[in-house]
Amino acid sequence: MPTPLSARNVSHRFGNVIALENVSVEVAAGQATALVGESGSGKTTLLRCFNRLIEPEEGDILVGDKNVRTESAVLLRRGIGYVQQLGGLLPHWRVLRNVALVPVLQERSDAEDAAREALELVGLPAAQFGPRFPHELSGGQRQRVALARSIAARPGVILLDEPFGALDAISRSELQQSFDDLRRRLSVTTLLVTHDLAEAGRLAEQVVVMRKGRIEQRGSMRDLVHAPATDYVAHLIERARAGLEALVS
């Protein structure tokens, strides 16, 4: 079942640097929210609060109705899909073993079957790609494997930290479409970090623009384009206008 996400009045510092300042975000079950902003805006810090890779100094993080501070970090992470920018695949493991990681950790008897099914769902036939090592794949294929690993245990939530940013334009577009189809088919709650407004508009129902640890505006991409709340949001929209025209026309 899809799981709602909630960040309530979250603040965090790295030394003297404010990473998050009183940030609140809600992601409805089965919906996708994109966190958008420049480097240092706090978007990745916020994302990592949900799987306890970062413990915020103040505020509450909820996955479903559970405060993550009360949960085992290990068990929490096994129940949340997570895709890093460069995939994070283990290079000395074959593809099938990489994808089966979480089901194996959950001690499921059908771990390899779950991995094969996940590979098929992302467009990589398990018989062909399962025996390969990550270095034998293209960049786009490696990210597909990373996506397969994130869904193999059928989590209710997937966190994605700029998963398509390192790909060429064609591979990126193909993978964006594949992921959008997949997350809708699985009805999984998605939190996506990206610096690309067009990508955010394509993949998410809600877009949250962040700057210097604060939220500038949240809403649909159409809302942001037609009624930017701040000069900063208006500037971002203007810079990305060419890529947004087809999404909001």
C-alpha atoms as a PDB file:
ATOM      1  CA  MET A   1       0.000   0.000   0.000  1.00  0.00           C
ATOM      2  CA  PRO A   2       1.246   3.538  -0.705  1.00  0.00           C
ATOM      3  CA  THR A   3       2.345   5.432   2.391  1.00  0.00           C
ATOM      4  CA  PRO A   4       1.983   9.181   3.034  1.00  0.00           C
ATOM      5  CA  LEU A   5       5.007  11.233   4.072  1.00  0.00           C
ATOM      6  CA  SER A   6       5.135  14.219   6.369  1.00  0.00           C
ATOM      7  CA  ALA A   7       7.849  16.638   7.511  1.00  0.00           C
ATOM      8  CA  ARG A   8       6.694  18.995  10.251  1.00  0.00           C
ATOM      9  CA  ASN A   9       8.648  22.082  11.276  1.00  0.00           C
ATOM     10  CA  VAL A  10      11.982  20.463  10.472  1.00  0.00           C
ATOM     11  CA  SER A  11      15.228  22.372  11.085  1.00  0.00           C
ATOM     12  CA  HIS A  12      18.842  21.248  10.775  1.00  0.00           C
ATOM     13  CA  ARG A  13      22.321  22.770  10.673  1.00  0.00           C
ATOM     14  CA  PHE A  14      25.691  21.564   9.507  1.00  0.00           C
ATOM     15  CA  GLY A  15      27.962  23.498  11.845  1.00  0.00           C
ATOM     16  CA  ASN A  16      27.025  27.137  11.348  1.00  0.00           C
ATOM     17  CA  VAL A  17      25.275  26.497   8.029  1.00  0.00           C
ATOM     18  CA  ILE A  18      21.488  26.358   8.055  1.00  0.00           C
ATOM     19  CA  ALA A  19      20.405  23.408   5.904  1.00  0.00           C
ATOM     20  CA  LEU A  20      16.706  23.406   6.834  1.00  0.00           C
ATOM     21  CA  GLU A  21      14.712  26.053   8.667  1.00  0.00           C
ATOM     22  CA  ASN A  22      11.208  25.223   9.889  1.00  0.00           C
ATOM     23  CA  VAL A  23      10.321  23.188   6.796  1.00  0.00           C
ATOM     24  CA  SER A  24       6.979  21.386   6.472  1.00  0.00           C
ATOM     25  CA  VAL A  25       6.012  19.155   3.544  1.00  0.00           C
ATOM     26  CA  GLU A  26       3.182  16.674   3.021  1.00  0.00           C
ATOM     27  CA  VAL A  27       3.211  13.977   0.324  1.00  0.00           C
ATOM     28  CA  ALA A  28      -0.116  12.224  -0.147  1.00  0.00           C
ATOM     29  CA  ALA A  29      -0.196   8.431  -0.410  1.00  0.00           C
ATOM     30  CA  GLY A  30       0.444   7.311  -3.976  1.00  0.00           C
ATOM     31  CA  GLN A  31       1.390  10.803  -5.147  1.00  0.00           C
ATOM     32  CA  ALA A  32       4.724  12.268  -6.278  1.00  0.00           C
ATOM     33  CA  THR A  33       6.326  15.423  -4.912  1.00  0.00           C
ATOM     34  CA  ALA A  34       9.466  16.997  -6.379  1.00  0.00           C
ATOM     35  CA  LEU A  35      11.882  19.074  -4.320  1.00  0.00           C
ATOM     36  CA  VAL A  36      13.495  21.649  -6.588  1.00  0.00           C
ATOM     37  CA  GLY A  37      16.261  24.136  -5.910  1.00  0.00           C
ATOM     38  CA  GLU A  38      19.854  25.107  -6.427  1.00  0.00           C
ATOM     39  CA  SER A  39      22.739  23.317  -4.742  1.00  0.00           C
ATOM     40  CA  GLY A  40      22.630  24.077  -1.028  1.00  0.00           C
ATOM     41  CA  SER A  41      18.884  24.678  -0.969  1.00  0.00           C
ATOM     42  CA  GLY A  42      18.295  21.819   1.494  1.00  0.00           C
ATOM     43  CA  LYS A  43      16.390  19.476  -0.798  1.00  0.00           C
ATOM     44  CA  THR A  44      18.684  16.451  -0.413  1.00  0.00           C
ATOM     45  CA  THR A  45      18.991  17.061   3.322  1.00  0.00           C
ATOM     46  CA  LEU A  46      15.206  16.933   3.614  1.00  0.00           C
ATOM     47  CA  LEU A  47      14.966  13.788   1.494  1.00  0.00           C
ATOM     48  CA  ARG A  48      17.514  11.979   3.667  1.00  0.00           C
ATOM     49  CA  CYS A  49      15.581  12.783   6.808  1.00  0.00           C
ATOM     50  CA  PHE A  50      12.903  10.336   5.687  1.00  0.00           C
ATOM     51  CA  ASN A  51      15.207   7.306   5.777  1.00  0.00           C
ATOM     52  CA  ARG A  52      17.235   8.599   8.740  1.00  0.00           C
ATOM     53  CA  LEU A  53      20.433   9.133   6.797  1.00  0.00           C
ATOM     54  CA  ILE A  54      20.160  12.544   8.457  1.00  0.00           C
ATOM     55  CA  GLU A  55      18.650  13.084  11.898  1.00  0.00           C
ATOM     56  CA  PRO A  56      17.166  16.610  11.997  1.00  0.00           C
ATOM     57  CA  GLU A  57      17.822  18.705  15.067  1.00  0.00           C
ATOM     58  CA  GLU A  58      14.208  19.830  15.337  1.00  0.00           C
ATOM     59  CA  GLY A  59      10.824  18.771  14.028  1.00  0.00           C
ATOM     60  CA  ASP A  60       9.128  15.501  13.169  1.00  0.00           C
ATOM     61  CA  ILE A  61       9.423  13.166  10.188  1.00  0.00           C
ATOM     62  CA  LEU A  62       6.584  10.715   9.641  1.00  0.00           C
ATOM     63  CA  VAL A  63       6.369   7.768   7.269  1.00  0.00           C
ATOM     64  CA  GLY A  64       2.751   6.763   7.368  1.00  0.00           C
ATOM     65  CA  ASP A  65       1.626   7.412  10.929  1.00  0.00           C
ATOM     66  CA  LYS A  66       4.986   6.537  12.490  1.00  0.00           C
ATOM     67  CA  ASN A  67       7.610   9.010  13.620  1.00  0.00           C
ATOM     68  CA  VAL A  68      10.882   7.752  12.165  1.00  0.00           C
ATOM     69  CA  ARG A  69      12.737   8.608  15.387  1.00  0.00           C
ATOM     70  CA  THR A  70      10.876   5.745  17.075  1.00  0.00           C
ATOM     71  CA  GLU A  71      11.733   3.245  14.333  1.00  0.00           C
ATOM     72  CA  SER A  72      14.811   1.104  13.837  1.00  0.00           C
ATOM     73  CA  ALA A  73      16.850   2.871  11.135  1.00  0.00           C
ATOM     74  CA  VAL A  74      17.770  -0.486   9.577  1.00  0.00           C
ATOM     75  CA  LEU A  75      14.184  -1.733   9.370  1.00  0.00           C
ATOM     76  CA  LEU A  76      12.960   1.674   8.199  1.00  0.00           C
ATOM     77  CA  ARG A  77      15.398   1.694   5.275  1.00  0.00           C
ATOM     78  CA  ARG A  78      14.441  -1.822   4.247  1.00  0.00           C
ATOM     79  CA  GLY A  79      10.877  -0.594   3.854  1.00  0.00           C
ATOM     80  CA  ILE A  80      11.724   2.453   1.721  1.00  0.00           C
ATOM     81  CA  GLY A  81      13.041   2.377  -1.834  1.00  0.00           C
ATOM     82  CA  TYR A  82      16.043   4.659  -2.366  1.00  0.00           C
ATOM     83  CA  VAL A  83      17.767   5.612  -5.629  1.00  0.00           C
ATOM     84  CA  GLN A  84      20.946   7.684  -5.573  1.00  0.00           C
ATOM     85  CA  GLN A  85      22.233   9.880  -8.384  1.00  0.00           C
ATOM     86  CA  LEU A  86      24.740   7.289  -9.598  1.00  0.00           C
ATOM     87  CA  GLY A  87      22.687   4.260  -8.610  1.00  0.00           C
ATOM     88  CA  GLY A  88      24.849   2.988  -5.771  1.00  0.00           C
ATOM     89  CA  LEU A  89      25.053  -0.545  -7.159  1.00  0.00           C
ATOM     90  CA  LEU A  90      27.597  -2.905  -5.619  1.00  0.00           C
ATOM     91  CA  PRO A  91      30.158  -3.354  -8.427  1.00  0.00           C
ATOM     92  CA  HIS A  92      31.297  -6.859  -7.413  1.00  0.00           C
ATOM     93  CA  TRP A  93      27.735  -8.238  -7.361  1.00  0.00           C
ATOM     94  CA  ARG A  94      25.851  -9.323 -10.456  1.00  0.00           C
ATOM     95  CA  VAL A  95      22.703  -7.442 -11.407  1.00  0.00           C
ATOM     96  CA  LEU A  96      20.252 -10.026 -10.056  1.00  0.00           C
ATOM     97  CA  ARG A  97      21.986 -10.111  -6.676  1.00  0.00           C
ATOM     98  CA  ASN A  98      22.006  -6.294  -6.501  1.00  0.00           C
ATOM     99  CA  VAL A  99      18.267  -6.148  -7.170  1.00  0.00           C
ATOM    100  CA  ALA A 100      17.504  -8.938  -4.689  1.00  0.00           C
ATOM    101  CA  LEU A 101      19.342  -7.152  -1.855  1.00  0.00           C
ATOM    102  CA  VAL A 102      16.365  -5.938   0.186  1.00  0.00           C
ATOM    103  CA  PRO A 103      14.184  -9.061  -0.239  1.00  0.00           C
ATOM    104  CA  VAL A 104      17.194 -11.136   0.875  1.00  0.00           C
ATOM    105  CA  LEU A 105      17.686  -8.913   3.930  1.00  0.00           C
ATOM    106  CA  GLN A 106      13.989  -9.370   4.675  1.00  0.00           C
ATOM    107  CA  GLU A 107      14.629 -13.136   4.564  1.00  0.00           C
ATOM    108  CA  ARG A 108      12.029 -13.689   1.871  1.00  0.00           C
ATOM    109  CA  SER A 109      12.047 -17.130   0.280  1.00  0.00           C
ATOM    110  CA  ASP A 110      11.080 -15.578  -3.069  1.00  0.00           C
ATOM    111  CA  ALA A 111      13.867 -12.975  -3.110  1.00  0.00           C
ATOM    112  CA  GLU A 112      15.262 -13.934  -6.518  1.00  0.00           C
ATOM    113  CA  ASP A 113      11.792 -14.153  -8.040  1.00  0.00           C
ATOM    114  CA  ALA A 114      11.024 -10.663  -6.702  1.00  0.00           C
ATOM    115  CA  ALA A 115      14.273  -9.397  -8.243  1.00  0.00           C
ATOM    116  CA  ARG A 116      13.491 -10.962 -11.613  1.00  0.00           C
ATOM    117  CA  GLU A 117      10.021  -9.425 -11.600  1.00  0.00           C
ATOM    118  CA  ALA A 118      11.459  -5.993 -10.728  1.00  0.00           C
ATOM    119  CA  LEU A 119      13.949  -6.201 -13.593  1.00  0.00           C
ATOM    120  CA  GLU A 120      11.154  -7.065 -16.011  1.00  0.00           C
ATOM    121  CA  LEU A 121       9.134  -4.087 -14.741  1.00  0.00           C
ATOM    122  CA  VAL A 122      11.954  -1.649 -15.560  1.00  0.00           C
ATOM    123  CA  GLY A 123      12.460  -3.114 -19.032  1.00  0.00           C
ATOM    124  CA  LEU A 124      15.510  -5.308 -18.410  1.00  0.00           C
ATOM    125  CA  PRO A 125      14.770  -9.000 -19.050  1.00  0.00           C
ATOM    126  CA  ALA A 126      16.207 -10.907 -16.101  1.00  0.00           C
ATOM    127  CA  ALA A 127      17.562 -13.767 -18.228  1.00  0.00           C
ATOM    128  CA  GLN A 128      19.612 -11.303 -20.274  1.00  0.00           C
ATOM    129  CA  PHE A 129      20.701  -8.752 -17.662  1.00  0.00           C
ATOM    130  CA  GLY A 130      20.587 -10.628 -14.355  1.00  0.00           C
ATOM    131  CA  PRO A 131      23.977 -12.372 -14.828  1.00  0.00           C
ATOM    132  CA  ARG A 132      25.837  -9.179 -15.804  1.00  0.00           C
ATOM    133  CA  PHE A 133      27.984  -6.953 -13.602  1.00  0.00           C
ATOM    134  CA  PRO A 134      27.195  -3.210 -13.331  1.00  0.00           C
ATOM    135  CA  HIS A 135      30.287  -2.234 -15.365  1.00  0.00           C
ATOM    136  CA  GLU A 136      28.886  -4.217 -18.293  1.00  0.00           C
ATOM    137  CA  LEU A 137      25.850  -1.935 -18.514  1.00  0.00           C
ATOM    138  CA  SER A 138      25.251   1.529 -19.952  1.00  0.00           C
ATOM    139  CA  GLY A 139      24.524   4.429 -17.616  1.00  0.00           C
ATOM    140  CA  GLY A 140      20.819   4.242 -18.360  1.00  0.00           C
ATOM    141  CA  GLN A 141      20.754   0.504 -17.753  1.00  0.00           C
ATOM    142  CA  ARG A 142      22.530   0.909 -14.414  1.00  0.00           C
ATOM    143  CA  GLN A 143      19.895   3.410 -13.313  1.00  0.00           C
ATOM    144  CA  ARG A 144      17.171   1.007 -14.394  1.00  0.00           C
ATOM    145  CA  VAL A 145      18.814  -1.636 -12.207  1.00  0.00           C
ATOM    146  CA  ALA A 146      18.868   0.861  -9.324  1.00  0.00           C
ATOM    147  CA  LEU A 147      15.158   1.504  -9.856  1.00  0.00           C
ATOM    148  CA  ALA A 148      14.513  -2.235  -9.949  1.00  0.00           C
ATOM    149  CA  ARG A 149      16.341  -2.648  -6.646  1.00  0.00           C
ATOM    150  CA  SER A 150      14.234   0.135  -5.104  1.00  0.00           C
ATOM    151  CA  ILE A 151      10.944  -1.608  -6.003  1.00  0.00           C
ATOM    152  CA  ALA A 152      11.927  -5.267  -5.596  1.00  0.00           C
ATOM    153  CA  ALA A 153      10.463  -5.470  -2.079  1.00  0.00           C
ATOM    154  CA  ARG A 154       7.406  -3.453  -3.185  1.00  0.00           C
ATOM    155  CA  PRO A 155       7.833  -0.583  -0.704  1.00  0.00           C
ATOM    156  CA  GLY A 156       5.118   1.985  -0.123  1.00  0.00           C
ATOM    157  CA  VAL A 157       7.627   4.841  -0.571  1.00  0.00           C
ATOM    158  CA  ILE A 158      10.471   5.582  -2.991  1.00  0.00           C
ATOM    159  CA  LEU A 159      13.031   8.362  -2.453  1.00  0.00           C
ATOM    160  CA  LEU A 160      14.991   9.520  -5.498  1.00  0.00           C
ATOM    161  CA  ASP A 161      17.995  11.837  -5.271  1.00  0.00           C
ATOM    162  CA  GLU A 162      18.566  13.248  -8.779  1.00  0.00           C
ATOM    163  CA  PRO A 163      18.412   9.743 -10.292  1.00  0.00           C
ATOM    164  CA  PHE A 164      18.463  10.901 -13.926  1.00  0.00           C
ATOM    165  CA  GLY A 165      20.881  13.831 -13.693  1.00  0.00           C
ATOM    166  CA  ALA A 166      23.991  12.037 -14.977  1.00  0.00           C
ATOM    167  CA  LEU A 167      22.354  10.586 -18.100  1.00  0.00           C
ATOM    168  CA  ASP A 168      22.398  11.853 -21.671  1.00  0.00           C
ATOM    169  CA  ALA A 169      19.235  13.582 -22.891  1.00  0.00           C
ATOM    170  CA  ILE A 170      17.779  10.582 -24.753  1.00  0.00           C
ATOM    171  CA  SER A 171      18.412   8.084 -21.941  1.00  0.00           C
ATOM    172  CA  ARG A 172      17.091  10.582 -19.413  1.00  0.00           C
ATOM    173  CA  SER A 173      13.829  11.131 -21.275  1.00  0.00           C
ATOM    174  CA  GLU A 174      13.283   7.387 -21.745  1.00  0.00           C
ATOM    175  CA  LEU A 175      13.956   6.627 -18.107  1.00  0.00           C
ATOM    176  CA  GLN A 176      11.746   9.470 -16.891  1.00  0.00           C
ATOM    177  CA  GLN A 177       8.847   8.038 -18.889  1.00  0.00           C
ATOM    178  CA  SER A 178       9.551   4.506 -17.697  1.00  0.00           C
ATOM    179  CA  PHE A 179       9.666   5.600 -14.077  1.00  0.00           C
ATOM    180  CA  ASP A 180       6.504   7.685 -14.329  1.00  0.00           C
ATOM    181  CA  ASP A 181       4.609   4.725 -15.805  1.00  0.00           C
ATOM    182  CA  LEU A 182       6.053   2.410 -13.169  1.00  0.00           C
ATOM    183  CA  ARG A 183       5.290   4.493 -10.087  1.00  0.00           C
ATOM    184  CA  ARG A 184       1.706   5.041 -11.255  1.00  0.00           C
ATOM    185  CA  ARG A 185       1.294   1.324 -11.958  1.00  0.00           C
ATOM    186  CA  LEU A 186       2.607   0.415  -8.495  1.00  0.00           C
ATOM    187  CA  SER A 187       0.820   3.348  -6.793  1.00  0.00           C
ATOM    188  CA  VAL A 188       3.930   4.159  -4.790  1.00  0.00           C
ATOM    189  CA  THR A 189       4.481   7.417  -2.897  1.00  0.00           C
ATOM    190  CA  THR A 190       7.432   9.258  -4.423  1.00  0.00           C
ATOM    191  CA  LEU A 191       9.719  12.027  -3.188  1.00  0.00           C
ATOM    192  CA  LEU A 192      12.066  13.248  -5.926  1.00  0.00           C
ATOM    193  CA  VAL A 193      15.006  15.642  -5.648  1.00  0.00           C
ATOM    194  CA  THR A 194      15.891  17.441  -8.864  1.00  0.00           C
ATOM    195  CA  HIS A 195      17.335  20.750 -10.060  1.00  0.00           C
ATOM    196  CA  ASP A 196      15.336  20.446 -13.302  1.00  0.00           C
ATOM    197  CA  LEU A 197      11.924  22.154 -13.246  1.00  0.00           C
ATOM    198  CA  ALA A 198      10.793  20.420 -16.439  1.00  0.00           C
ATOM    199  CA  GLU A 199      11.591  17.044 -14.885  1.00  0.00           C
ATOM    200  CA  ALA A 200       9.697  18.029 -11.740  1.00  0.00           C
ATOM    201  CA  GLY A 201       6.677  19.088 -13.773  1.00  0.00           C
ATOM    202  CA  ARG A 202       6.751  15.894 -15.794  1.00  0.00           C
ATOM    203  CA  LEU A 203       7.043  13.486 -12.868  1.00  0.00           C
ATOM    204  CA  ALA A 204       5.307  15.095  -9.875  1.00  0.00           C
ATOM    205  CA  GLU A 205       1.840  16.312  -8.978  1.00  0.00           C
ATOM    206  CA  GLN A 206       3.320  18.701  -6.398  1.00  0.00           C
ATOM    207  CA  VAL A 207       6.476  20.793  -6.804  1.00  0.00           C
ATOM    208  CA  VAL A 208       8.216  22.319  -3.787  1.00  0.00           C
ATOM    209  CA  VAL A 209      10.744  25.058  -4.546  1.00  0.00           C
ATOM    210  CA  MET A 210      13.437  25.405  -1.896  1.00  0.00           C
ATOM    211  CA  ARG A 211      16.058  28.078  -1.296  1.00  0.00           C
ATOM    212  CA  LYS A 212      18.584  28.369   1.527  1.00  0.00           C
ATOM    213  CA  GLY A 213      16.788  25.800   3.661  1.00  0.00           C
ATOM    214  CA  ARG A 214      13.325  27.324   3.291  1.00  0.00           C
ATOM    215  CA  ILE A 215      10.326  26.694   1.079  1.00  0.00           C
ATOM    216  CA  GLU A 216       9.654  29.471  -1.437  1.00  0.00           C
ATOM    217  CA  GLN A 217       6.503  27.960  -2.947  1.00  0.00           C
ATOM    218  CA  ARG A 218       4.621  24.699  -3.322  1.00  0.00           C
ATOM    219  CA  GLY A 219       1.915  23.663  -5.752  1.00  0.00           C
ATOM    220  CA  SER A 220       1.405  22.148  -9.171  1.00  0.00           C
ATOM    221  CA  MET A 221       3.779  23.207 -11.931  1.00  0.00           C
ATOM    222  CA  ARG A 222       0.878  25.083 -13.518  1.00  0.00           C
ATOM    223  CA  ASP A 223       0.431  27.037 -10.268  1.00  0.00           C
ATOM    224  CA  LEU A 224       4.113  27.951 -10.182  1.00  0.00           C
ATOM    225  CA  VAL A 225       4.217  29.048 -13.827  1.00  0.00           C
ATOM    226  CA  HIS A 226       1.052  31.127 -13.741  1.00  0.00           C
ATOM    227  CA  ALA A 227       1.383  32.558 -10.237  1.00  0.00           C
ATOM    228  CA  PRO A 228       4.973  32.520  -8.930  1.00  0.00           C
ATOM    229  CA  ALA A 229       4.913  33.523  -5.276  1.00  0.00           C
ATOM    230  CA  THR A 230       8.367  35.135  -5.125  1.00  0.00           C
ATOM    231  CA  ASP A 231      10.886  36.782  -7.423  1.00  0.00           C
ATOM    232  CA  TYR A 232      13.127  33.731  -6.987  1.00  0.00           C
ATOM    233  CA  VAL A 233      10.445  31.342  -8.257  1.00  0.00           C
ATOM    234  CA  ALA A 234       9.669  33.681 -11.147  1.00  0.00           C
ATOM    235  CA  HIS A 235      13.372  33.717 -12.057  1.00  0.00           C
ATOM    236  CA  LEU A 236      13.557  29.903 -12.030  1.00  0.00           C
ATOM    237  CA  ILE A 237      10.438  29.652 -14.188  1.00  0.00           C
ATOM    238  CA  GLU A 238      11.791  32.147 -16.706  1.00  0.00           C
ATOM    239  CA  ARG A 239      15.100  30.282 -16.999  1.00  0.00           C
ATOM    240  CA  ALA A 240      13.262  26.998 -17.607  1.00  0.00           C
ATOM    241  CA  ARG A 241      10.356  28.343 -19.661  1.00  0.00           C
ATOM    242  CA  ALA A 242      11.244  26.609 -22.931  1.00  0.00           C
ATOM    243  CA  GLY A 243      11.164  23.211 -21.290  1.00  0.00           C
ATOM    244  CA  LEU A 244       7.945  23.940 -19.409  1.00  0.00           C
ATOM    245  CA  GLU A 245       5.751  25.207 -22.248  1.00  0.00           C
ATOM    246  CA  ALA A 246       4.504  21.769 -23.308  1.00  0.00           C
ATOM    247  CA  LEU A 247       3.684  20.843 -19.711  1.00  0.00           C
ATOM    248  CA  VAL A 248       1.517  23.832 -18.824  1.00  0.00           C
ATOM    249  CA  SER A 249       0.017  24.925 -22.144  1.00  0.00           C
END
